[in-house]
PDB file of all heavy atoms in Angstrom:
ATOM      1  N   TYR A   1     -33.580-102.709 -60.314  1.00  0.00           N
ATOM      2  CA  TYR A   1     -33.477-103.253 -58.957  1.00  0.00           C
ATOM      3  C   TYR A   1     -33.204-102.185 -57.900  1.00  0.00           C
ATOM      4  O   TYR A   1     -33.540-102.383 -56.723  1.00  0.00           O
ATOM      5  CB  TYR A   1     -32.406-104.350 -58.898  1.00  0.00           C
ATOM      6  CG  TYR A   1     -31.065-103.968 -59.464  1.00  0.00           C
ATOM      7  CD1 TYR A   1     -30.116-103.306 -58.693  1.00  0.00           C
ATOM      8  CD2 TYR A   1     -30.738-104.289 -60.783  1.00  0.00           C
ATOM      9  CE1 TYR A   1     -28.884-102.964 -59.206  1.00  0.00           C
ATOM     10  CE2 TYR A   1     -29.510-103.962 -61.313  1.00  0.00           C
ATOM     11  CZ  TYR A   1     -28.582-103.298 -60.519  1.00  0.00           C
ATOM     12  OH  TYR A   1     -27.364-102.945 -61.052  1.00  0.00           O
ATOM     13  N   VAL A   2     -32.602-101.067 -58.275  1.00  0.00           N
ATOM     14  CA  VAL A   2     -32.371-100.005 -57.296  1.00  0.00           C
ATOM     15  C   VAL A   2     -33.706 -99.450 -56.807  1.00  0.00           C
ATOM     16  O   VAL A   2     -33.962 -99.372 -55.604  1.00  0.00           O
ATOM     17  CB  VAL A   2     -31.499 -98.878 -57.883  1.00  0.00           C
ATOM     18  CG1 VAL A   2     -31.441 -97.698 -56.901  1.00  0.00           C
ATOM     19  CG2 VAL A   2     -30.094 -99.380 -58.166  1.00  0.00           C
ATOM     20  N   PHE A   3     -34.570 -99.077 -57.760  1.00  0.00           N
ATOM     21  CA  PHE A   3     -35.895 -98.593 -57.365  1.00  0.00           C
ATOM     22  C   PHE A   3     -36.657 -99.666 -56.602  1.00  0.00           C
ATOM     23  O   PHE A   3     -37.286 -99.376 -55.580  1.00  0.00           O
ATOM     24  CB  PHE A   3     -36.717 -98.176 -58.591  1.00  0.00           C
ATOM     25  CG  PHE A   3     -38.175 -98.007 -58.260  1.00  0.00           C
ATOM     26  CD1 PHE A   3     -38.626 -96.850 -57.644  1.00  0.00           C
ATOM     27  CD2 PHE A   3     -39.090 -99.030 -58.500  1.00  0.00           C
ATOM     28  CE1 PHE A   3     -39.961 -96.711 -57.291  1.00  0.00           C
ATOM     29  CE2 PHE A   3     -40.421 -98.895 -58.157  1.00  0.00           C
ATOM     30  CZ  PHE A   3     -40.859 -97.733 -57.546  1.00  0.00           C
ATOM     31  N   ASP A   4     -36.629-100.895 -57.100  1.00  0.00           N
ATOM     32  CA  ASP A   4     -37.394-101.980 -56.490  1.00  0.00           C
ATOM     33  C   ASP A   4     -37.017-102.147 -55.020  1.00  0.00           C
ATOM     34  O   ASP A   4     -37.885-102.297 -54.154  1.00  0.00           O
ATOM     35  CB  ASP A   4     -37.147-103.286 -57.254  1.00  0.00           C
ATOM     36  CG  ASP A   4     -38.179-104.344 -56.911  1.00  0.00           C
ATOM     37  OD1 ASP A   4     -39.373-104.113 -57.137  1.00  0.00           O
ATOM     38  OD2 ASP A   4     -37.777-105.409 -56.389  1.00  0.00           O
ATOM     39  N   GLY A   5     -35.719-102.100 -54.739  1.00  0.00           N
ATOM     40  CA  GLY A   5     -35.263-102.247 -53.360  1.00  0.00           C
ATOM     41  C   GLY A   5     -35.726-101.112 -52.471  1.00  0.00           C
ATOM     42  O   GLY A   5     -36.162-101.325 -51.335  1.00  0.00           O
ATOM     43  N   LEU A   6     -35.644 -99.883 -52.988  1.00  0.00           N
ATOM     44  CA  LEU A   6     -36.075 -98.723 -52.209  1.00  0.00           C
ATOM     45  C   LEU A   6     -37.578 -98.757 -51.955  1.00  0.00           C
ATOM     46  O   LEU A   6     -38.043 -98.449 -50.855  1.00  0.00           O
ATOM     47  CB  LEU A   6     -35.707 -97.433 -52.950  1.00  0.00           C
ATOM     48  CG  LEU A   6     -34.219 -97.106 -53.067  1.00  0.00           C
ATOM     49  CD1 LEU A   6     -34.012 -95.928 -54.007  1.00  0.00           C
ATOM     50  CD2 LEU A   6     -33.625 -96.807 -51.702  1.00  0.00           C
ATOM     51  N   PHE A   7     -38.347 -99.148 -52.969  1.00  0.00           N
ATOM     52  CA  PHE A   7     -39.801 -99.164 -52.831  1.00  0.00           C
ATOM     53  C   PHE A   7     -40.238-100.221 -51.826  1.00  0.00           C
ATOM     54  O   PHE A   7     -41.103 -99.978 -50.979  1.00  0.00           O
ATOM     55  CB  PHE A   7     -40.452 -99.404 -54.195  1.00  0.00           C
ATOM     56  CG  PHE A   7     -41.945 -99.327 -54.168  1.00  0.00           C
ATOM     57  CD1 PHE A   7     -42.598 -98.110 -54.022  1.00  0.00           C
ATOM     58  CD2 PHE A   7     -42.722-100.472 -54.268  1.00  0.00           C
ATOM     59  CE1 PHE A   7     -43.981 -98.029 -53.992  1.00  0.00           C
ATOM     60  CE2 PHE A   7     -44.105-100.407 -54.229  1.00  0.00           C
ATOM     61  CZ  PHE A   7     -44.744 -99.169 -54.089  1.00  0.00           C
ATOM     62  N   ARG A   8     -39.655-101.402 -51.921  1.00  0.00           N
ATOM     63  CA  ARG A   8     -40.019-102.474 -50.998  1.00  0.00           C
ATOM     64  C   ARG A   8     -39.646-102.142 -49.563  1.00  0.00           C
ATOM     65  O   ARG A   8     -40.301-102.593 -48.624  1.00  0.00           O
ATOM     66  CB  ARG A   8     -39.350-103.787 -51.428  1.00  0.00           C
ATOM     67  CG  ARG A   8     -39.918-104.364 -52.730  1.00  0.00           C
ATOM     68  CD  ARG A   8     -39.198-105.637 -53.124  1.00  0.00           C
ATOM     69  NE  ARG A   8     -39.693-106.178 -54.376  1.00  0.00           N
ATOM     70  CZ  ARG A   8     -40.751-106.957 -54.496  1.00  0.00           C
ATOM     71  NH1 ARG A   8     -41.439-107.292 -53.425  1.00  0.00           N
ATOM     72  NH2 ARG A   8     -41.130-107.404 -55.687  1.00  0.00           N
ATOM     73  N   ALA A   9     -38.608-101.316 -49.403  1.00  0.00           N
ATOM     74  CA  ALA A   9     -38.181-100.908 -48.065  1.00  0.00           C
ATOM     75  C   ALA A   9     -38.952 -99.695 -47.560  1.00  0.00           C
ATOM     76  O   ALA A   9     -38.725 -99.230 -46.438  1.00  0.00           O
ATOM     77  CB  ALA A   9     -36.683-100.604 -48.083  1.00  0.00           C
ATOM     78  N   GLY A  10     -39.871 -99.177 -48.376  1.00  0.00           N
ATOM     79  CA  GLY A  10     -40.653 -98.011 -47.969  1.00  0.00           C
ATOM     80  C   GLY A  10     -39.866 -96.723 -47.959  1.00  0.00           C
ATOM     81  O   GLY A  10     -40.238 -95.768 -47.267  1.00  0.00           O
ATOM     82  N   GLU A  11     -38.785 -96.657 -48.760  1.00  0.00           N
ATOM     83  CA  GLU A  11     -37.916 -95.492 -48.740  1.00  0.00           C
ATOM     84  C   GLU A  11     -38.159 -94.534 -49.903  1.00  0.00           C
ATOM     85  O   GLU A  11     -37.449 -93.535 -50.041  1.00  0.00           O
ATOM     86  CB  GLU A  11     -36.451 -95.948 -48.738  1.00  0.00           C
ATOM     87  CG  GLU A  11     -36.083 -96.750 -47.489  1.00  0.00           C
ATOM     88  CD  GLU A  11     -34.640 -97.200 -47.496  1.00  0.00           C
ATOM     89  OE1 GLU A  11     -33.864 -96.717 -48.351  1.00  0.00           O
ATOM     90  OE2 GLU A  11     -34.277 -98.030 -46.654  1.00  0.00           O
ATOM     91  N   ILE A  12     -39.139 -94.834 -50.745  1.00  0.00           N
ATOM     92  CA  ILE A  12     -39.463 -93.932 -51.838  1.00  0.00           C
ATOM     93  C   ILE A  12     -40.955 -94.031 -52.131  1.00  0.00           C
ATOM     94  O   ILE A  12     -41.549 -95.099 -52.028  1.00  0.00           O
ATOM     95  CB  ILE A  12     -38.626 -94.261 -53.096  1.00  0.00           C
ATOM     96  CG1 ILE A  12     -38.758 -93.158 -54.146  1.00  0.00           C
ATOM     97  CG2 ILE A  12     -39.036 -95.605 -53.695  1.00  0.00           C
ATOM     98  CD1 ILE A  12     -37.764 -93.290 -55.298  1.00  0.00           C
ATOM     99  N   GLU A  13     -41.557 -92.894 -52.462  1.00  0.00           N
ATOM    100  CA  GLU A  13     -42.975 -92.846 -52.798  1.00  0.00           C
ATOM    101  C   GLU A  13     -43.133 -92.953 -54.313  1.00  0.00           C
ATOM    102  O   GLU A  13     -42.327 -92.408 -55.069  1.00  0.00           O
ATOM    103  CB  GLU A  13     -43.571 -91.529 -52.294  1.00  0.00           C
ATOM    104  CG  GLU A  13     -45.068 -91.394 -52.512  1.00  0.00           C
ATOM    105  CD  GLU A  13     -45.605 -90.066 -52.011  1.00  0.00           C
ATOM    106  OE1 GLU A  13     -44.880 -89.374 -51.264  1.00  0.00           O
ATOM    107  OE2 GLU A  13     -46.746 -89.712 -52.393  1.00  0.00           O
ATOM    108  N   LEU A  14     -44.173 -93.640 -54.749  1.00  0.00           N
ATOM    109  CA  LEU A  14     -44.397 -93.859 -56.176  1.00  0.00           C
ATOM    110  C   LEU A  14     -45.784 -93.390 -56.577  1.00  0.00           C
ATOM    111  O   LEU A  14     -46.773 -93.686 -55.905  1.00  0.00           O
ATOM    112  CB  LEU A  14     -44.250 -95.346 -56.512  1.00  0.00           C
ATOM    113  CG  LEU A  14     -44.687 -95.788 -57.923  1.00  0.00           C
ATOM    114  CD1 LEU A  14     -43.777 -95.161 -58.982  1.00  0.00           C
ATOM    115  CD2 LEU A  14     -44.688 -97.309 -58.025  1.00  0.00           C
ATOM    116  N   GLU A  15     -45.840 -92.653 -57.693  1.00  0.00           N
ATOM    117  CA  GLU A  15     -47.110 -92.327 -58.338  1.00  0.00           C
ATOM    118  C   GLU A  15     -47.041 -92.861 -59.771  1.00  0.00           C
ATOM    119  O   GLU A  15     -46.244 -92.377 -60.579  1.00  0.00           O
ATOM    120  CB  GLU A  15     -47.362 -90.827 -58.360  1.00  0.00           C
ATOM    121  CG  GLU A  15     -48.688 -90.453 -59.044  1.00  0.00           C
ATOM    122  CD  GLU A  15     -48.942 -88.961 -59.087  1.00  0.00           C
ATOM    123  OE1 GLU A  15     -48.329 -88.220 -58.295  1.00  0.00           O
ATOM    124  OE2 GLU A  15     -49.768 -88.534 -59.933  1.00  0.00           O
ATOM    125  N   VAL A  16     -47.842 -93.865 -60.063  1.00  0.00           N
ATOM    126  CA  VAL A  16     -47.862 -94.453 -61.401  1.00  0.00           C
ATOM    127  C   VAL A  16     -48.854 -93.689 -62.269  1.00  0.00           C
ATOM    128  O   VAL A  16     -49.994 -93.458 -61.869  1.00  0.00           O
ATOM    129  CB  VAL A  16     -48.235 -95.944 -61.349  1.00  0.00           C
ATOM    130  CG1 VAL A  16     -48.366 -96.512 -62.766  1.00  0.00           C
ATOM    131  CG2 VAL A  16     -47.194 -96.733 -60.558  1.00  0.00           C
ATOM    132  N   VAL A  17     -48.414 -93.306 -63.452  1.00  0.00           N
ATOM    133  CA  VAL A  17     -49.259 -92.570 -64.398  1.00  0.00           C
ATOM    134  C   VAL A  17     -49.155 -93.263 -65.751  1.00  0.00           C
ATOM    135  O   VAL A  17     -48.048 -93.469 -66.247  1.00  0.00           O
ATOM    136  CB  VAL A  17     -48.805 -91.097 -64.539  1.00  0.00           C
ATOM    137  CG1 VAL A  17     -49.727 -90.347 -65.493  1.00  0.00           C
ATOM    138  CG2 VAL A  17     -48.763 -90.415 -63.183  1.00  0.00           C
ATOM    139  N   PRO A  18     -50.281 -93.651 -66.354  1.00  0.00           N
ATOM    140  CA  PRO A  18     -50.221 -94.236 -67.700  1.00  0.00           C
ATOM    141  C   PRO A  18     -49.413 -93.330 -68.632  1.00  0.00           C
ATOM    142  O   PRO A  18     -49.498 -92.098 -68.547  1.00  0.00           O
ATOM    143  CB  PRO A  18     -51.687 -94.319 -68.121  1.00  0.00           C
ATOM    144  CG  PRO A  18     -52.437 -94.415 -66.825  1.00  0.00           C
ATOM    145  CD  PRO A  18     -51.675 -93.563 -65.857  1.00  0.00           C
ATOM    146  N   GLN A  19     -48.650 -93.938 -69.540  1.00  0.00           N
ATOM    147  CA  GLN A  19     -47.688 -93.168 -70.322  1.00  0.00           C
ATOM    148  C   GLN A  19     -48.318 -92.020 -71.122  1.00  0.00           C
ATOM    149  O   GLN A  19     -47.786 -90.901 -71.139  1.00  0.00           O
ATOM    150  CB  GLN A  19     -46.930 -94.091 -71.264  1.00  0.00           C
ATOM    151  CG  GLN A  19     -45.751 -93.412 -71.937  1.00  0.00           C
ATOM    152  CD  GLN A  19     -44.949 -94.386 -72.770  1.00  0.00           C
ATOM    153  OE1 GLN A  19     -45.376 -94.806 -73.834  1.00  0.00           O
ATOM    154  NE2 GLN A  19     -43.790 -94.768 -72.267  1.00  0.00           N
ATOM    155  N   GLY A  20     -49.445 -92.272 -71.764  1.00  0.00           N
ATOM    156  CA  GLY A  20     -50.102 -91.199 -72.510  1.00  0.00           C
ATOM    157  C   GLY A  20     -50.547 -90.068 -71.608  1.00  0.00           C
ATOM    158  O   GLY A  20     -50.421 -88.882 -71.955  1.00  0.00           O
ATOM    159  N   ASN A  21     -51.069 -90.420 -70.437  1.00  0.00           N
ATOM    160  CA  ASN A  21     -51.478 -89.402 -69.466  1.00  0.00           C
ATOM    161  C   ASN A  21     -50.278 -88.611 -68.967  1.00  0.00           C
ATOM    162  O   ASN A  21     -50.356 -87.394 -68.773  1.00  0.00           O
ATOM    163  CB  ASN A  21     -52.199 -90.047 -68.280  1.00  0.00           C
ATOM    164  CG  ASN A  21     -53.593 -90.526 -68.633  1.00  0.00           C
ATOM    165  OD1 ASN A  21     -54.020 -90.459 -69.780  1.00  0.00           O
ATOM    166  ND2 ASN A  21     -54.310 -91.027 -67.637  1.00  0.00           N
ATOM    167  N   LEU A  22     -49.152 -89.316 -68.748  1.00  0.00           N
ATOM    168  CA  LEU A  22     -47.944 -88.641 -68.272  1.00  0.00           C
ATOM    169  C   LEU A  22     -47.491 -87.593 -69.288  1.00  0.00           C
ATOM    170  O   LEU A  22     -47.235 -86.431 -68.930  1.00  0.00           O
ATOM    171  CB  LEU A  22     -46.832 -89.659 -68.035  1.00  0.00           C
ATOM    172  CG  LEU A  22     -45.502 -89.085 -67.535  1.00  0.00           C
ATOM    173  CD1 LEU A  22     -45.651 -88.554 -66.111  1.00  0.00           C
ATOM    174  CD2 LEU A  22     -44.393 -90.141 -67.596  1.00  0.00           C
ATOM    175  N   ALA A  23     -47.418 -87.993 -70.548  1.00  0.00           N
ATOM    176  CA  ALA A  23     -46.988 -87.064 -71.594  1.00  0.00           C
ATOM    177  C   ALA A  23     -47.951 -85.877 -71.707  1.00  0.00           C
ATOM    178  O   ALA A  23     -47.522 -84.721 -71.835  1.00  0.00           O
ATOM    179  CB  ALA A  23     -46.883 -87.791 -72.931  1.00  0.00           C
ATOM    180  N   GLU A  24     -49.244 -86.160 -71.639  1.00  0.00           N
ATOM    181  CA  GLU A  24     -50.227 -85.084 -71.792  1.00  0.00           C
ATOM    182  C   GLU A  24     -50.267 -84.174 -70.567  1.00  0.00           C
ATOM    183  O   GLU A  24     -50.487 -82.954 -70.710  1.00  0.00           O
ATOM    184  CB  GLU A  24     -51.611 -85.663 -72.071  1.00  0.00           C
ATOM    185  CG  GLU A  24     -52.684 -84.629 -72.381  1.00  0.00           C
ATOM    186  CD  GLU A  24     -52.425 -83.822 -73.646  1.00  0.00           C
ATOM    187  OE1 GLU A  24     -51.466 -84.149 -74.386  1.00  0.00           O
ATOM    188  OE2 GLU A  24     -53.176 -82.865 -73.904  1.00  0.00           O
ATOM    189  N   ARG A  25     -50.035 -84.711 -69.377  1.00  0.00           N
ATOM    190  CA  ARG A  25     -49.985 -83.863 -68.181  1.00  0.00           C
ATOM    191  C   ARG A  25     -48.793 -82.908 -68.252  1.00  0.00           C
ATOM    192  O   ARG A  25     -48.892 -81.739 -67.858  1.00  0.00           O
ATOM    193  CB  ARG A  25     -49.904 -84.726 -66.924  1.00  0.00           C
ATOM    194  CG  ARG A  25     -51.195 -85.463 -66.588  1.00  0.00           C
ATOM    195  CD  ARG A  25     -51.030 -86.303 -65.325  1.00  0.00           C
ATOM    196  NE  ARG A  25     -50.847 -85.450 -64.150  1.00  0.00           N
ATOM    197  CZ  ARG A  25     -50.545 -85.917 -62.934  1.00  0.00           C
ATOM    198  NH1 ARG A  25     -50.394 -87.231 -62.757  1.00  0.00           N
ATOM    199  NH2 ARG A  25     -50.410 -85.090 -61.918  1.00  0.00           N
ATOM    200  N   ILE A  26     -47.672 -83.394 -68.758  1.00  0.00           N
ATOM    201  CA  ILE A  26     -46.496 -82.536 -68.926  1.00  0.00           C
ATOM    202  C   ILE A  26     -46.765 -81.488 -69.997  1.00  0.00           C
ATOM    203  O   ILE A  26     -46.485 -80.299 -69.822  1.00  0.00           O
ATOM    204  CB  ILE A  26     -45.259 -83.388 -69.284  1.00  0.00           C
ATOM    205  CG1 ILE A  26     -44.904 -84.335 -68.127  1.00  0.00           C
ATOM    206  CG2 ILE A  26     -44.063 -82.489 -69.607  1.00  0.00           C
ATOM    207  CD1 ILE A  26     -43.874 -85.381 -68.492  1.00  0.00           C
ATOM    208  N   ARG A  27     -47.322 -81.934 -71.129  1.00  0.00           N
ATOM    209  CA  ARG A  27     -47.617 -81.007 -72.224  1.00  0.00           C
ATOM    210  C   ARG A  27     -48.616 -79.942 -71.788  1.00  0.00           C
ATOM    211  O   ARG A  27     -48.494 -78.758 -72.147  1.00  0.00           O
ATOM    212  CB  ARG A  27     -48.168 -81.767 -73.428  1.00  0.00           C
ATOM    213  CG  ARG A  27     -48.229 -80.931 -74.705  1.00  0.00           C
ATOM    214  CD  ARG A  27     -49.147 -81.539 -75.732  1.00  0.00           C
ATOM    215  NE  ARG A  27     -50.544 -81.439 -75.321  1.00  0.00           N
ATOM    216  CZ  ARG A  27     -51.301 -80.363 -75.488  1.00  0.00           C
ATOM    217  NH1 ARG A  27     -50.782 -79.257 -76.031  1.00  0.00           N
ATOM    218  NH2 ARG A  27     -52.556 -80.345 -75.094  1.00  0.00           N
ATOM    219  N   ALA A  28     -49.612 -80.346 -70.999  1.00  0.00           N
ATOM    220  CA  ALA A  28     -50.627 -79.410 -70.523  1.00  0.00           C
ATOM    221  C   ALA A  28     -50.006 -78.303 -69.679  1.00  0.00           C
ATOM    222  O   ALA A  28     -50.398 -77.134 -69.780  1.00  0.00           O
ATOM    223  CB  ALA A  28     -51.698 -80.149 -69.724  1.00  0.00           C
TER     224      ALA A  28
END
C-alpha cells in the first residue's frame, strides 16, 4: 500500500519488467 499510494499520487515513477527479463538484464 505504500507504493500504491505514492504511484496513484504521481509521486513515484514505475518501470515494470517481466521477472525473467529483470534477472537477465541484471546478469547481463
